[in-house]
PDB file of all heavy atoms in Angstrom:
ATOM      1  N   THR A   1      60.985  32.983 -50.032  1.00  0.00           N
ATOM      2  CA  THR A   1      60.368  33.467 -48.852  1.00  0.00           C
ATOM      3  C   THR A   1      61.403  34.234 -47.985  1.00  0.00           C
ATOM      4  O   THR A   1      62.299  33.631 -47.485  1.00  0.00           O
ATOM      5  CB  THR A   1      59.681  32.302 -48.043  1.00  0.00           C
ATOM      6  OG1 THR A   1      58.833  31.632 -48.896  1.00  0.00           O
ATOM      7  CG2 THR A   1      59.035  32.839 -46.861  1.00  0.00           C
ATOM      8  N   PRO A   2      61.139  35.480 -47.761  1.00  0.00           N
ATOM      9  CA  PRO A   2      62.165  36.275 -46.996  1.00  0.00           C
ATOM     10  C   PRO A   2      61.985  36.028 -45.463  1.00  0.00           C
ATOM     11  O   PRO A   2      60.871  35.568 -45.007  1.00  0.00           O
ATOM     12  CB  PRO A   2      61.800  37.764 -47.320  1.00  0.00           C
ATOM     13  CG  PRO A   2      60.369  37.678 -47.668  1.00  0.00           C
ATOM     14  CD  PRO A   2      60.103  36.398 -48.334  1.00  0.00           C
ATOM     15  N   SER A   3      63.047  36.231 -44.724  1.00  0.00           N
ATOM     16  CA  SER A   3      62.910  36.218 -43.275  1.00  0.00           C
ATOM     17  C   SER A   3      62.723  37.614 -42.728  1.00  0.00           C
ATOM     18  O   SER A   3      63.478  38.600 -43.143  1.00  0.00           O
ATOM     19  CB  SER A   3      64.285  35.583 -42.717  1.00  0.00           C
ATOM     20  OG  SER A   3      64.434  34.278 -43.058  1.00  0.00           O
ATOM     21  N   LEU A   4      61.753  37.750 -41.843  1.00  0.00           N
ATOM     22  CA  LEU A   4      61.517  39.047 -41.332  1.00  0.00           C
ATOM     23  C   LEU A   4      62.131  39.189 -39.953  1.00  0.00           C
ATOM     24  O   LEU A   4      62.015  38.256 -39.156  1.00  0.00           O
ATOM     25  CB  LEU A   4      60.045  39.317 -41.164  1.00  0.00           C
ATOM     26  CG  LEU A   4      59.216  39.058 -42.496  1.00  0.00           C
ATOM     27  CD1 LEU A   4      57.792  39.393 -42.314  1.00  0.00           C
ATOM     28  CD2 LEU A   4      59.829  39.826 -43.670  1.00  0.00           C
ATOM     29  N   LYS A   5      62.822  40.255 -39.661  1.00  0.00           N
ATOM     30  CA  LYS A   5      63.613  40.437 -38.403  1.00  0.00           C
ATOM     31  C   LYS A   5      63.510  41.800 -37.803  1.00  0.00           C
ATOM     32  O   LYS A   5      63.352  42.807 -38.502  1.00  0.00           O
ATOM     33  CB  LYS A   5      65.085  40.088 -38.749  1.00  0.00           C
ATOM     34  CG  LYS A   5      65.359  38.782 -39.338  1.00  0.00           C
ATOM     35  CD  LYS A   5      66.874  38.585 -39.636  1.00  0.00           C
ATOM     36  CE  LYS A   5      67.190  37.314 -40.225  1.00  0.00           C
ATOM     37  NZ  LYS A   5      68.628  37.088 -40.474  1.00  0.00           N
ATOM     38  N   GLU A   6      63.628  41.827 -36.519  1.00  0.00           N
ATOM     39  CA  GLU A   6      63.795  43.109 -35.814  1.00  0.00           C
ATOM     40  C   GLU A   6      62.834  44.234 -36.090  1.00  0.00           C
ATOM     41  O   GLU A   6      63.258  45.326 -36.484  1.00  0.00           O
ATOM     42  CB  GLU A   6      65.234  43.530 -35.875  1.00  0.00           C
ATOM     43  CG  GLU A   6      66.255  42.514 -35.426  1.00  0.00           C
ATOM     44  CD  GLU A   6      67.728  42.897 -35.682  1.00  0.00           C
ATOM     45  OE1 GLU A   6      67.978  44.113 -35.698  1.00  0.00           O
ATOM     46  OE2 GLU A   6      68.614  42.051 -35.794  1.00  0.00           O
ATOM     47  N   PRO A   7      61.589  43.988 -35.989  1.00  0.00           N
ATOM     48  CA  PRO A   7      60.590  45.072 -36.231  1.00  0.00           C
ATOM     49  C   PRO A   7      60.753  46.242 -35.216  1.00  0.00           C
ATOM     50  O   PRO A   7      61.277  45.944 -34.058  1.00  0.00           O
ATOM     51  CB  PRO A   7      59.193  44.428 -35.969  1.00  0.00           C
ATOM     52  CG  PRO A   7      59.571  43.217 -35.162  1.00  0.00           C
ATOM     53  CD  PRO A   7      60.873  42.757 -35.556  1.00  0.00           C
ATOM     54  N   HIS A   8      60.505  47.415 -35.538  1.00  0.00           N
ATOM     55  CA  HIS A   8      60.605  48.607 -34.620  1.00  0.00           C
ATOM     56  C   HIS A   8      59.537  49.596 -35.003  1.00  0.00           C
ATOM     57  O   HIS A   8      59.365  49.893 -36.149  1.00  0.00           O
ATOM     58  CB  HIS A   8      62.047  49.204 -34.838  1.00  0.00           C
ATOM     59  CG  HIS A   8      62.297  50.254 -33.776  1.00  0.00           C
ATOM     60  ND1 HIS A   8      63.095  50.035 -32.666  1.00  0.00           N
ATOM     61  CD2 HIS A   8      61.929  51.605 -33.651  1.00  0.00           C
ATOM     62  CE1 HIS A   8      63.146  51.072 -31.921  1.00  0.00           C
ATOM     63  NE2 HIS A   8      62.466  52.054 -32.482  1.00  0.00           N
ATOM     64  N   LEU A   9      58.822  50.127 -34.020  1.00  0.00           N
ATOM     65  CA  LEU A   9      57.788  51.116 -34.144  1.00  0.00           C
ATOM     66  C   LEU A   9      58.402  52.433 -33.799  1.00  0.00           C
ATOM     67  O   LEU A   9      58.962  52.649 -32.728  1.00  0.00           O
ATOM     68  CB  LEU A   9      56.592  50.827 -33.301  1.00  0.00           C
ATOM     69  CG  LEU A   9      55.639  49.695 -33.844  1.00  0.00           C
ATOM     70  CD1 LEU A   9      54.732  49.200 -32.701  1.00  0.00           C
ATOM     71  CD2 LEU A   9      54.834  50.215 -35.010  1.00  0.00           C
ATOM     72  N   LEU A  10      58.188  53.385 -34.674  1.00  0.00           N
ATOM     73  CA  LEU A  10      58.608  54.859 -34.340  1.00  0.00           C
ATOM     74  C   LEU A  10      57.734  55.787 -35.045  1.00  0.00           C
ATOM     75  O   LEU A  10      57.600  55.733 -36.311  1.00  0.00           O
ATOM     76  CB  LEU A  10      60.020  55.056 -34.833  1.00  0.00           C
ATOM     77  CG  LEU A  10      60.590  56.439 -34.490  1.00  0.00           C
ATOM     78  CD1 LEU A  10      60.805  56.652 -32.949  1.00  0.00           C
ATOM     79  CD2 LEU A  10      61.938  56.647 -35.129  1.00  0.00           C
ATOM     80  N   GLY A  11      57.053  56.643 -34.279  1.00  0.00           N
ATOM     81  CA  GLY A  11      56.137  57.652 -34.910  1.00  0.00           C
ATOM     82  C   GLY A  11      55.023  56.983 -35.720  1.00  0.00           C
ATOM     83  O   GLY A  11      54.574  57.639 -36.739  1.00  0.00           O
ATOM     84  N   GLY A  12      54.575  55.875 -35.237  1.00  0.00           N
ATOM     85  CA  GLY A  12      53.411  55.251 -35.988  1.00  0.00           C
ATOM     86  C   GLY A  12      53.886  54.421 -37.259  1.00  0.00           C
ATOM     87  O   GLY A  12      53.038  53.750 -37.876  1.00  0.00           O
ATOM     88  N   VAL A  13      55.153  54.453 -37.554  1.00  0.00           N
ATOM     89  CA  VAL A  13      55.628  53.753 -38.719  1.00  0.00           C
ATOM     90  C   VAL A  13      56.290  52.451 -38.216  1.00  0.00           C
ATOM     91  O   VAL A  13      57.037  52.453 -37.226  1.00  0.00           O
ATOM     92  CB  VAL A  13      56.684  54.584 -39.533  1.00  0.00           C
ATOM     93  CG1 VAL A  13      57.198  53.790 -40.709  1.00  0.00           C
ATOM     94  CG2 VAL A  13      56.046  55.864 -39.965  1.00  0.00           C
ATOM     95  N   LEU A  14      56.021  51.304 -38.924  1.00  0.00           N
ATOM     96  CA  LEU A  14      56.657  50.090 -38.617  1.00  0.00           C
ATOM     97  C   LEU A  14      57.889  49.851 -39.529  1.00  0.00           C
ATOM     98  O   LEU A  14      57.695  49.873 -40.734  1.00  0.00           O
ATOM     99  CB  LEU A  14      55.563  48.911 -38.704  1.00  0.00           C
ATOM    100  CG  LEU A  14      56.177  47.476 -38.442  1.00  0.00           C
ATOM    101  CD1 LEU A  14      56.718  47.380 -37.028  1.00  0.00           C
ATOM    102  CD2 LEU A  14      55.052  46.496 -38.711  1.00  0.00           C
ATOM    103  N   TYR A  15      59.057  49.589 -38.985  1.00  0.00           N
ATOM    104  CA  TYR A  15      60.187  49.324 -39.691  1.00  0.00           C
ATOM    105  C   TYR A  15      60.597  47.861 -39.371  1.00  0.00           C
ATOM    106  O   TYR A  15      60.313  47.364 -38.321  1.00  0.00           O
ATOM    107  CB  TYR A  15      61.373  50.253 -39.361  1.00  0.00           C
ATOM    108  CG  TYR A  15      61.089  51.680 -39.550  1.00  0.00           C
ATOM    109  CD1 TYR A  15      60.548  52.488 -38.553  1.00  0.00           C
ATOM    110  CD2 TYR A  15      61.414  52.308 -40.787  1.00  0.00           C
ATOM    111  CE1 TYR A  15      60.244  53.795 -38.710  1.00  0.00           C
ATOM    112  CE2 TYR A  15      61.152  53.627 -40.917  1.00  0.00           C
ATOM    113  CZ  TYR A  15      60.537  54.397 -39.920  1.00  0.00           C
ATOM    114  OH  TYR A  15      60.339  55.775 -40.138  1.00  0.00           O
ATOM    115  N   TRP A  16      61.253  47.246 -40.319  1.00  0.00           N
ATOM    116  CA  TRP A  16      61.761  45.859 -40.086  1.00  0.00           C
ATOM    117  C   TRP A  16      62.844  45.522 -41.143  1.00  0.00           C
ATOM    118  O   TRP A  16      62.989  46.213 -42.176  1.00  0.00           O
ATOM    119  CB  TRP A  16      60.652  44.802 -40.108  1.00  0.00           C
ATOM    120  CG  TRP A  16      60.030  44.551 -41.465  1.00  0.00           C
ATOM    121  CD1 TRP A  16      60.375  43.601 -42.415  1.00  0.00           C
ATOM    122  CD2 TRP A  16      58.995  45.256 -42.106  1.00  0.00           C
ATOM    123  NE1 TRP A  16      59.603  43.609 -43.470  1.00  0.00           N
ATOM    124  CE2 TRP A  16      58.701  44.582 -43.351  1.00  0.00           C
ATOM    125  CE3 TRP A  16      58.181  46.365 -41.711  1.00  0.00           C
ATOM    126  CZ2 TRP A  16      57.700  45.078 -44.216  1.00  0.00           C
ATOM    127  CZ3 TRP A  16      57.125  46.812 -42.567  1.00  0.00           C
ATOM    128  CH2 TRP A  16      56.951  46.230 -43.820  1.00  0.00           C
ATOM    129  N   LEU A  17      63.602  44.493 -40.829  1.00  0.00           N
ATOM    130  CA  LEU A  17      64.586  44.020 -41.731  1.00  0.00           C
ATOM    131  C   LEU A  17      64.008  42.783 -42.528  1.00  0.00           C
ATOM    132  O   LEU A  17      63.310  41.952 -41.908  1.00  0.00           O
ATOM    133  CB  LEU A  17      65.869  43.589 -40.974  1.00  0.00           C
ATOM    134  CG  LEU A  17      66.604  44.758 -40.291  1.00  0.00           C
ATOM    135  CD1 LEU A  17      67.818  44.218 -39.627  1.00  0.00           C
ATOM    136  CD2 LEU A  17      66.933  45.862 -41.217  1.00  0.00           C
ATOM    137  N   GLU A  18      64.401  42.651 -43.737  1.00  0.00           N
ATOM    138  CA  GLU A  18      63.979  41.551 -44.607  1.00  0.00           C
ATOM    139  C   GLU A  18      65.087  40.966 -45.222  1.00  0.00           C
ATOM    140  O   GLU A  18      65.739  41.535 -46.120  1.00  0.00           O
ATOM    141  CB  GLU A  18      62.861  42.124 -45.570  1.00  0.00           C
ATOM    142  CG  GLU A  18      62.204  41.058 -46.464  1.00  0.00           C
ATOM    143  CD  GLU A  18      61.030  41.690 -47.238  1.00  0.00           C
ATOM    144  OE1 GLU A  18      60.044  42.081 -46.635  1.00  0.00           O
ATOM    145  OE2 GLU A  18      61.202  41.733 -48.458  1.00  0.00           O
ATOM    146  N   GLN A  19      65.377  39.667 -44.924  1.00  0.00           N
ATOM    147  CA  GLN A  19      66.479  38.940 -45.507  1.00  0.00           C
ATOM    148  C   GLN A  19      65.920  38.108 -46.645  1.00  0.00           C
ATOM    149  O   GLN A  19      64.999  37.298 -46.416  1.00  0.00           O
ATOM    150  CB  GLN A  19      67.165  38.068 -44.518  1.00  0.00           C
ATOM    151  CG  GLN A  19      68.397  37.339 -45.138  1.00  0.00           C
ATOM    152  CD  GLN A  19      69.104  36.448 -44.069  1.00  0.00           C
ATOM    153  OE1 GLN A  19      69.040  36.716 -42.856  1.00  0.00           O
ATOM    154  NE2 GLN A  19      69.682  35.415 -44.481  1.00  0.00           N
ATOM    155  N   ARG A  20      66.529  38.332 -47.872  1.00  0.00           N
ATOM    156  CA  ARG A  20      65.932  37.705 -49.064  1.00  0.00           C
ATOM    157  C   ARG A  20      66.805  36.628 -49.632  1.00  0.00           C
ATOM    158  O   ARG A  20      67.884  36.928 -50.266  1.00  0.00           O
ATOM    159  CB  ARG A  20      65.649  38.782 -50.101  1.00  0.00           C
ATOM    160  CG  ARG A  20      64.699  39.893 -49.640  1.00  0.00           C
ATOM    161  CD  ARG A  20      64.622  41.048 -50.596  1.00  0.00           C
ATOM    162  NE  ARG A  20      63.573  41.935 -50.226  1.00  0.00           N
ATOM    163  CZ  ARG A  20      63.358  43.149 -50.844  1.00  0.00           C
ATOM    164  NH1 ARG A  20      64.086  43.495 -51.814  1.00  0.00           N
ATOM    165  NH2 ARG A  20      62.307  43.810 -50.384  1.00  0.00           N
ATOM    166  N   PRO A  21      66.483  35.385 -49.541  1.00  0.00           N
ATOM    167  CA  PRO A  21      67.291  34.343 -50.088  1.00  0.00           C
ATOM    168  C   PRO A  21      67.416  34.401 -51.605  1.00  0.00           C
ATOM    169  O   PRO A  21      68.480  33.966 -52.115  1.00  0.00           O
ATOM    170  CB  PRO A  21      66.563  33.048 -49.622  1.00  0.00           C
ATOM    171  CG  PRO A  21      65.126  33.456 -49.296  1.00  0.00           C
ATOM    172  CD  PRO A  21      65.266  34.819 -48.842  1.00  0.00           C
ATOM    173  N   HIS A  22      66.386  34.901 -52.344  1.00  0.00           N
ATOM    174  CA  HIS A  22      66.445  34.985 -53.679  1.00  0.00           C
ATOM    175  C   HIS A  22      67.398  36.159 -54.205  1.00  0.00           C
ATOM    176  O   HIS A  22      67.613  36.191 -55.424  1.00  0.00           O
ATOM    177  CB  HIS A  22      65.138  35.225 -54.389  1.00  0.00           C
ATOM    178  CG  HIS A  22      64.398  36.378 -53.893  1.00  0.00           C
ATOM    179  ND1 HIS A  22      63.867  36.553 -52.594  1.00  0.00           N
ATOM    180  CD2 HIS A  22      64.165  37.562 -54.517  1.00  0.00           C
ATOM    181  CE1 HIS A  22      63.291  37.750 -52.447  1.00  0.00           C
ATOM    182  NE2 HIS A  22      63.439  38.381 -53.606  1.00  0.00           N
ATOM    183  N   GLU A  23      67.866  36.932 -53.301  1.00  0.00           N
ATOM    184  CA  GLU A  23      68.967  37.905 -53.562  1.00  0.00           C
ATOM    185  C   GLU A  23      70.215  37.552 -52.890  1.00  0.00           C
ATOM    186  O   GLU A  23      70.882  38.523 -52.280  1.00  0.00           O
ATOM    187  CB  GLU A  23      68.384  39.307 -53.157  1.00  0.00           C
ATOM    188  CG  GLU A  23      67.175  39.774 -53.973  1.00  0.00           C
ATOM    189  CD  GLU A  23      66.726  41.183 -53.604  1.00  0.00           C
ATOM    190  OE1 GLU A  23      67.586  41.955 -53.032  1.00  0.00           O
ATOM    191  OE2 GLU A  23      65.634  41.524 -53.947  1.00  0.00           O
ATOM    192  N   ARG A  24      70.525  36.308 -52.837  1.00  0.00           N
ATOM    193  CA  ARG A  24      71.782  35.821 -52.239  1.00  0.00           C
ATOM    194  C   ARG A  24      71.874  36.130 -50.758  1.00  0.00           C
ATOM    195  O   ARG A  24      72.947  36.356 -50.247  1.00  0.00           O
ATOM    196  CB  ARG A  24      72.995  36.337 -53.053  1.00  0.00           C
ATOM    197  CG  ARG A  24      73.001  35.950 -54.472  1.00  0.00           C
ATOM    198  CD  ARG A  24      74.107  36.660 -55.234  1.00  0.00           C
ATOM    199  NE  ARG A  24      75.408  36.245 -54.745  1.00  0.00           N
ATOM    200  CZ  ARG A  24      76.062  35.181 -55.253  1.00  0.00           C
ATOM    201  NH1 ARG A  24      75.512  34.439 -56.170  1.00  0.00           N
ATOM    202  NH2 ARG A  24      77.287  34.874 -54.799  1.00  0.00           N
ATOM    203  N   GLY A  25      70.723  36.241 -50.080  1.00  0.00           N
ATOM    204  CA  GLY A  25      70.662  36.411 -48.669  1.00  0.00           C
ATOM    205  C   GLY A  25      70.845  37.858 -48.206  1.00  0.00           C
ATOM    206  O   GLY A  25      70.974  38.239 -47.069  1.00  0.00           O
ATOM    207  N   ARG A  26      70.664  38.861 -49.205  1.00  0.00           N
ATOM    208  CA  ARG A  26      70.778  40.253 -48.871  1.00  0.00           C
ATOM    209  C   ARG A  26      69.669  40.682 -47.916  1.00  0.00           C
ATOM    210  O   ARG A  26      68.483  40.216 -48.011  1.00  0.00           O
ATOM    211  CB  ARG A  26      70.640  41.072 -50.129  1.00  0.00           C
ATOM    212  CG  ARG A  26      70.858  42.553 -49.927  1.00  0.00           C
ATOM    213  CD  ARG A  26      70.710  43.327 -51.310  1.00  0.00           C
ATOM    214  NE  ARG A  26      69.305  43.467 -51.772  1.00  0.00           N
ATOM    215  CZ  ARG A  26      68.635  44.488 -51.366  1.00  0.00           C
ATOM    216  NH1 ARG A  26      69.060  45.494 -50.541  1.00  0.00           N
ATOM    217  NH2 ARG A  26      67.393  44.638 -51.833  1.00  0.00           N
ATOM    218  N   THR A  27      70.019  41.534 -46.940  1.00  0.00           N
ATOM    219  CA  THR A  27      69.098  42.045 -46.035  1.00  0.00           C
ATOM    220  C   THR A  27      68.828  43.507 -46.242  1.00  0.00           C
ATOM    221  O   THR A  27      69.811  44.307 -46.365  1.00  0.00           O
ATOM    222  CB  THR A  27      69.526  41.846 -44.601  1.00  0.00           C
ATOM    223  OG1 THR A  27      69.752  40.453 -44.316  1.00  0.00           O
ATOM    224  CG2 THR A  27      68.553  42.348 -43.547  1.00  0.00           C
ATOM    225  N   THR A  28      67.530  43.904 -46.254  1.00  0.00           N
ATOM    226  CA  THR A  28      67.204  45.292 -46.595  1.00  0.00           C
ATOM    227  C   THR A  28      66.275  45.781 -45.533  1.00  0.00           C
ATOM    228  O   THR A  28      65.627  45.066 -44.833  1.00  0.00           O
ATOM    229  CB  THR A  28      66.599  45.401 -47.979  1.00  0.00           C
ATOM    230  OG1 THR A  28      66.399  46.774 -48.359  1.00  0.00           O
ATOM    231  CG2 THR A  28      65.262  44.714 -48.114  1.00  0.00           C
ATOM    232  N   LEU A  29      66.195  47.192 -45.414  1.00  0.00           N
ATOM    233  CA  LEU A  29      65.266  47.799 -44.469  1.00  0.00           C
ATOM    234  C   LEU A  29      63.967  48.139 -45.105  1.00  0.00           C
ATOM    235  O   LEU A  29      63.952  48.806 -46.240  1.00  0.00           O
ATOM    236  CB  LEU A  29      65.927  49.085 -43.929  1.00  0.00           C
ATOM    237  CG  LEU A  29      65.108  49.908 -42.890  1.00  0.00           C
ATOM    238  CD1 LEU A  29      64.836  49.119 -41.679  1.00  0.00           C
ATOM    239  CD2 LEU A  29      65.921  51.221 -42.578  1.00  0.00           C
ATOM    240  N   MET A  30      62.848  47.784 -44.467  1.00  0.00           N
ATOM    241  CA  MET A  30      61.591  48.063 -44.961  1.00  0.00           C
ATOM    242  C   MET A  30      60.733  48.941 -44.043  1.00  0.00           C
ATOM    243  O   MET A  30      61.136  49.020 -42.841  1.00  0.00           O
ATOM    244  CB  MET A  30      60.783  46.715 -45.171  1.00  0.00           C
ATOM    245  CG  MET A  30      61.449  45.664 -46.030  1.00  0.00           C
ATOM    246  SD  MET A  30      61.570  46.145 -47.708  1.00  0.00           S
ATOM    247  CE  MET A  30      59.832  46.059 -48.216  1.00  0.00           C
TER     248      MET A  30
END
């Protein structure tokens, strides 16, 4: 189960960070 962090709205697009424990805690931009 990833942790969702720091959502941001820009130009109608929703961005957020996703920290993935199954990828050794790697955090990616969605």
